């Protein structure tokens, strides 16, 4: 997974940025309508390596629609998503260069198939590893979250600025399982968080987990092994709202990068220490 830092990269033409934000928001609205109409209603998941790593007909249809619209408006910018990974193999391990779109047409497919109202559409434009535009649709709450480099985050057009958490006591911390189950140290991390009087939640959608931090509903999100396409839009939101976004590194191997932390700045260091205690 490539992590997009919260610092600004090379400037982009303001007109291009505005147009990208507008079209991404429109695609998010389209996707939200389809997800609500189709969730839990005859979805046919394709078989994958993991029983919870599904790609449904709805996912494929939305991704292809997104590709068509983006190709019309931004013909020189490639689009990467689940279908790209399936056909060509993962491109996310390569060093990212130049502008690109990354899309997760339905993040939280297991919830979508079951009709659980906790899944999202995520779309981001990146330049290398720097976020330019990010949108996340939360269909079942009727929310479109959008952000652009240097322009802040908005929820249905209303500006969002993160209110900083000052204590982990009573905090909600989000995490997710990996494709194969619990991530290394996950059980220990939950125990450490509980001892600090924080509650860990696993809800089945990485994009919405990070978005809850951007909105101030959760104080932190700790994720492992997430495809870039699932988190890029939400990381853009969180960075623009004022959250801390960082790689999690093992004290035993400072060169390693094992996870992703998105947190209110006031508790980011403490949550990092919880994670490091399980990887020392």
Protein backbone atom coordinates (compact mmCIF):
# COMPACT_ATOMS: atom_id res chain seq x y z
CA UNK A 1 0.00 0.00 0.00
CA UNK A 2 1.32 3.42 -0.93
CA UNK A 3 0.74 6.01 1.74
CA UNK A 4 -0.10 9.53 0.69
CA UNK A 5 1.54 12.12 2.97
CA UNK A 6 -0.47 15.04 4.28
CA UNK A 7 2.02 17.60 2.97
CA UNK A 8 1.43 19.29 -0.37
CA UNK A 9 3.38 18.21 -3.44
CA UNK A 10 3.84 20.03 -6.73
CA UNK A 11 1.08 22.58 -7.38
CA UNK A 12 -1.63 21.68 -9.88
CA UNK A 13 -3.56 24.04 -12.13
CA UNK A 14 -6.50 25.34 -10.05
CA UNK A 15 -8.91 24.86 -12.94
CA UNK A 16 -7.93 21.23 -13.35
CA UNK A 17 -8.27 20.69 -9.61
CA UNK A 18 -11.75 22.21 -9.58
CA UNK A 19 -12.86 20.14 -12.55
CA UNK A 20 -11.49 16.94 -11.00
CA UNK A 21 -13.28 17.67 -7.74
CA UNK A 22 -16.57 18.35 -9.51
CA UNK A 23 -16.46 15.20 -11.65
CA UNK A 24 -15.32 13.01 -8.76
CA UNK A 25 -18.21 14.30 -6.67
CA UNK A 26 -20.66 13.57 -9.47
CA UNK A 27 -19.34 10.01 -9.80
CA UNK A 28 -19.67 9.53 -6.04
CA UNK A 29 -23.31 10.60 -6.22
CA UNK A 30 -23.96 8.17 -9.08
CA UNK A 31 -22.34 5.35 -7.14
CA UNK A 32 -24.28 6.08 -3.96
CA UNK A 33 -27.59 5.70 -5.78
CA UNK A 34 -26.56 2.37 -7.29
CA UNK A 35 -25.18 0.97 -4.03
CA UNK A 36 -28.40 1.76 -2.16
CA UNK A 37 -30.49 0.17 -4.92
CA UNK A 38 -28.42 -3.02 -5.14
CA UNK A 39 -27.13 -3.75 -1.62
CA UNK A 40 -28.18 -7.18 -0.39
CA UNK A 41 -30.37 -7.78 -3.45
CA UNK A 42 -29.07 -10.62 -5.56
CA UNK A 43 -25.43 -9.53 -5.58
CA UNK A 44 -23.28 -12.22 -7.21
CA UNK A 45 -19.75 -12.17 -5.78
CA UNK A 46 -16.92 -13.52 -7.91
CA UNK A 47 -14.75 -16.14 -6.20
CA UNK A 48 -11.47 -14.79 -4.81
CA UNK A 49 -8.72 -16.10 -2.53
CA UNK A 50 -10.49 -14.79 0.57
CA UNK A 51 -14.19 -15.37 1.35
CA UNK A 52 -14.49 -11.68 2.22
CA UNK A 53 -12.49 -10.33 -0.76
CA UNK A 54 -15.40 -10.24 -3.18
CA UNK A 55 -15.94 -8.30 -6.39
CA UNK A 56 -19.63 -8.14 -7.33
CA UNK A 57 -21.38 -7.32 -10.58
CA UNK A 58 -22.27 -3.94 -9.08
CA UNK A 59 -18.62 -3.27 -8.26
CA UNK A 60 -17.57 -4.06 -11.82
CA UNK A 61 -20.37 -1.96 -13.35
CA UNK A 62 -19.56 1.06 -11.19
CA UNK A 63 -15.83 0.79 -11.86
CA UNK A 64 -16.39 0.64 -15.61
CA UNK A 65 -18.76 3.64 -15.45
CA UNK A 66 -16.14 5.55 -13.48
CA UNK A 67 -13.47 4.67 -16.03
CA UNK A 68 -15.63 5.82 -18.94
CA UNK A 69 -16.39 9.19 -17.37
CA UNK A 70 -12.81 9.83 -16.30
CA UNK A 71 -11.45 8.82 -19.70
CA UNK A 72 -13.79 11.34 -21.31
CA UNK A 73 -12.66 14.23 -19.11
CA UNK A 74 -9.06 13.24 -18.31
CA UNK A 75 -7.91 11.07 -21.23
CA UNK A 76 -4.22 11.26 -20.30
CA UNK A 77 -4.60 10.15 -16.67
CA UNK A 78 -4.75 6.38 -16.04
CA UNK A 79 -7.33 4.82 -13.72
CA UNK A 80 -6.50 1.93 -11.38
CA UNK A 81 -9.03 -0.21 -9.54
CA UNK A 82 -9.96 -3.78 -8.66
CA UNK A 83 -10.37 -4.76 -12.31
CA UNK A 84 -6.88 -3.41 -13.11
CA UNK A 85 -5.41 -5.55 -10.34
CA UNK A 86 -7.36 -8.61 -11.52
CA UNK A 87 -6.33 -8.33 -15.16
CA UNK A 88 -2.83 -6.90 -14.94
CA UNK A 89 -1.76 -7.74 -11.40
CA UNK A 90 -1.12 -5.20 -8.66
CA UNK A 91 0.65 -2.02 -9.72
CA UNK A 92 0.74 -0.62 -6.20
CA UNK A 93 4.10 -2.10 -5.29
CA UNK A 94 5.77 -0.01 -7.99
CA UNK A 95 7.11 3.45 -7.20
CA UNK A 96 4.22 5.78 -8.08
CA UNK A 97 5.01 8.46 -10.65
CA UNK A 98 2.75 11.03 -12.31
CA UNK A 99 -0.96 11.70 -11.93
CA UNK A 100 -3.38 8.78 -11.68
CA UNK A 101 -6.87 8.00 -10.46
CA UNK A 102 -7.50 5.15 -8.01
CA UNK A 103 -11.03 3.86 -7.45
CA UNK A 104 -12.70 1.40 -5.12
CA UNK A 105 -16.20 1.18 -6.52
CA UNK A 106 -17.56 -0.67 -3.48
CA UNK A 107 -15.31 -0.75 -0.43
CA UNK A 108 -16.84 -3.12 2.10
CA UNK A 109 -18.08 -5.73 -0.35
CA UNK A 110 -18.96 -8.30 2.32
CA UNK A 111 -21.24 -5.75 4.00
CA UNK A 112 -22.70 -4.79 0.61
CA UNK A 113 -23.51 -8.40 -0.29
CA UNK A 114 -25.14 -8.98 3.11
CA UNK A 115 -27.11 -5.73 2.98
CA UNK A 116 -25.27 -4.26 5.98
CA UNK A 117 -25.44 -0.46 5.50
CA UNK A 118 -21.73 0.21 5.94
CA UNK A 119 -19.89 0.37 2.61
CA UNK A 120 -18.57 3.15 0.41
CA UNK A 121 -17.45 4.39 -2.99
CA UNK A 122 -13.93 5.84 -2.93
CA UNK A 123 -12.11 7.80 -5.64
CA UNK A 124 -8.89 9.79 -5.52
CA UNK A 125 -6.58 11.61 -7.89
CA UNK A 126 -2.93 11.32 -6.87
CA UNK A 127 0.28 12.79 -8.25
CA UNK A 128 2.94 10.26 -7.36
CA UNK A 129 2.15 9.61 -3.72
CA UNK A 130 0.62 13.05 -3.07
CA UNK A 131 -3.18 13.42 -2.80
CA UNK A 132 -4.80 15.99 -5.06
CA UNK A 133 -8.51 15.10 -4.87
CA UNK A 134 -10.43 12.59 -2.78
CA UNK A 135 -14.11 11.70 -2.50
CA UNK A 136 -15.90 9.09 -0.41
CA UNK A 137 -19.62 8.36 -0.73
CA UNK A 138 -21.38 7.05 2.38
CA UNK A 139 -24.61 6.01 0.65
CA UNK A 140 -26.69 4.91 3.63
CA UNK A 141 -26.10 8.17 5.50
CA UNK A 142 -26.69 10.27 2.40
CA UNK A 143 -23.23 11.84 2.61
CA UNK A 144 -20.68 12.75 -0.04
CA UNK A 145 -17.32 13.69 1.49
CA UNK A 146 -14.88 15.57 -0.72
CA UNK A 147 -11.48 17.23 -0.41
CA UNK A 148 -8.86 18.79 -2.66
CA UNK A 149 -5.26 19.79 -2.06
CA UNK A 150 -5.15 22.98 -0.01
CA UNK A 151 -8.94 23.43 -0.08
CA UNK A 152 -9.99 21.48 3.01
CA UNK A 153 -12.65 18.82 3.44
CA UNK A 154 -16.41 19.13 2.95
CA UNK A 155 -19.36 16.94 3.89
CA UNK A 156 -22.28 17.55 1.50
CA UNK A 157 -20.73 20.93 0.77
CA UNK A 158 -20.21 21.96 4.41
CA UNK A 159 -16.65 22.51 5.61
CA UNK A 160 -15.16 20.04 8.10
CA UNK A 161 -12.29 20.88 10.46
CA UNK A 162 -11.13 18.19 12.86
CA UNK A 163 -11.63 18.97 16.55
CA UNK A 164 -8.50 17.62 18.21
CA UNK A 165 -8.86 14.80 20.73
CA UNK A 166 -6.74 15.35 23.84
CA UNK A 167 -7.11 11.96 25.53
CA UNK A 168 -7.41 8.34 24.47
CA UNK A 169 -9.79 7.61 27.35
CA UNK A 170 -13.22 7.08 25.84
CA UNK A 171 -11.82 7.25 22.30
CA UNK A 172 -13.05 5.08 19.44
CA UNK A 173 -10.25 3.50 17.41
CA UNK A 174 -11.10 1.81 14.12
CA UNK A 175 -9.27 -1.07 12.52
CA UNK A 176 -10.01 -3.80 9.96
CA UNK A 177 -9.10 -7.41 9.35
CA UNK A 178 -6.72 -8.19 6.51
CA UNK A 179 -7.74 -10.45 3.62
CA UNK A 180 -6.56 -13.45 5.63
CA UNK A 181 -7.80 -12.49 9.08
CA UNK A 182 -6.27 -10.66 12.04
CA UNK A 183 -3.14 -8.62 11.39
CA UNK A 184 0.00 -9.44 13.41
CA UNK A 185 -0.39 -8.09 16.94
CA UNK A 186 -4.06 -7.15 16.47
CA UNK A 187 -5.32 -8.98 19.56
CA UNK A 188 -2.59 -7.43 21.70
CA UNK A 189 -3.32 -3.98 20.28
CA UNK A 190 -7.00 -4.30 21.20
CA UNK A 191 -6.01 -5.31 24.72
CA UNK A 192 -3.67 -2.34 25.14
CA UNK A 193 -6.35 0.03 23.83
CA UNK A 194 -8.92 -1.42 26.25
CA UNK A 195 -6.50 -0.93 29.16
CA UNK A 196 -6.26 2.73 28.14
CA UNK A 197 -10.09 2.91 28.19
CA UNK A 198 -10.36 3.19 24.40
CA UNK A 199 -12.72 1.06 22.33
CA UNK A 200 -11.62 -0.67 19.11
CA UNK A 201 -14.21 -1.14 16.36
CA UNK A 202 -14.01 -3.45 13.30
CA UNK A 203 -16.84 -2.51 10.94
CA UNK A 204 -15.74 -3.83 7.55
CA UNK A 205 -14.97 -0.76 5.41
CA UNK A 206 -11.52 0.85 5.42
CA UNK A 207 -12.64 4.00 3.60
CA UNK A 208 -15.35 4.73 6.17
CA UNK A 209 -13.06 3.83 9.08
CA UNK A 210 -10.64 6.59 8.05
CA UNK A 211 -13.47 8.97 7.21
CA UNK A 212 -14.78 8.65 10.77
CA UNK A 213 -11.45 10.05 11.97
CA UNK A 214 -11.69 12.96 9.52
CA UNK A 215 -15.19 13.70 10.84
CA UNK A 216 -14.11 13.47 14.49
CA UNK A 217 -16.38 10.50 15.23
CA UNK A 218 -13.37 8.24 15.83
CA UNK A 219 -10.04 9.36 17.24
CA UNK A 220 -7.81 7.02 15.22
CA UNK A 221 -7.72 4.31 12.58
CA UNK A 222 -4.99 1.66 12.39
CA UNK A 223 -4.97 -0.42 9.20
CA UNK A 224 -2.80 -3.14 7.68
CA UNK A 225 -2.56 -4.51 4.16
CA UNK A 226 -5.19 -2.23 2.60
CA UNK A 227 -5.02 -1.66 -1.16
CA UNK A 228 -4.29 1.95 -2.00
CA UNK A 229 -7.56 2.21 -3.91
CA UNK A 230 -9.56 1.50 -0.72
CA UNK A 231 -7.96 4.20 1.42
CA UNK A 232 -6.65 6.94 -0.89
CA UNK A 233 -9.87 8.96 -1.01
CA UNK A 234 -10.36 8.84 2.76
CA UNK A 235 -6.72 9.64 3.50
CA UNK A 236 -7.12 12.75 1.34
CA UNK A 237 -10.16 13.75 3.41
CA UNK A 238 -8.37 13.16 6.70
CA UNK A 239 -5.25 15.06 5.69
CA UNK A 240 -7.27 18.07 4.56
CA UNK A 241 -9.38 17.98 7.76
CA UNK A 242 -6.21 18.18 9.86
CA UNK A 243 -5.59 14.57 10.93
CA UNK A 244 -2.15 13.03 11.34
CA UNK A 245 -1.41 10.50 8.57
CA UNK A 246 1.68 8.31 8.94
CA UNK A 247 3.21 4.93 8.29
CA UNK A 248 3.56 2.64 11.27
CA UNK A 249 7.10 1.31 11.65
CA UNK A 250 8.35 -1.48 13.87
CA UNK A 251 10.89 -0.40 16.51
CA UNK A 252 12.79 -3.59 15.68
CA UNK A 253 13.14 -2.51 12.04
CA UNK A 254 12.92 1.24 11.53
CA UNK A 255 13.09 0.79 7.76
CA UNK A 256 9.93 -1.29 7.72
CA UNK A 257 6.47 0.07 7.02
CA UNK A 258 3.86 -2.31 8.32
CA UNK A 259 0.70 -0.28 8.68
CA UNK A 260 -1.16 2.98 8.37
CA UNK A 261 -2.19 5.36 11.14
CA UNK A 262 -4.75 8.13 10.71
CA UNK A 263 -5.43 9.95 13.97
CA UNK A 264 -6.34 13.13 15.74
CA UNK A 265 -2.95 14.81 16.30
CA UNK A 266 -3.42 14.87 20.08
CA UNK A 267 -3.41 11.08 20.44
CA UNK A 268 -1.42 9.98 17.37
CA UNK A 269 1.79 9.38 19.34
CA UNK A 270 0.00 7.37 22.02
CA UNK A 271 -1.77 5.10 19.52
CA UNK A 272 1.53 4.62 17.69
CA UNK A 273 3.11 3.44 20.95
CA UNK A 274 0.28 0.91 21.43
CA UNK A 275 1.01 -0.48 17.98
CA UNK A 276 4.77 -0.49 18.50
CA UNK A 277 4.34 -2.42 21.75
CA UNK A 278 2.92 -5.30 19.70
CA UNK A 279 5.77 -5.20 17.14
CA UNK A 280 8.88 -4.75 19.29
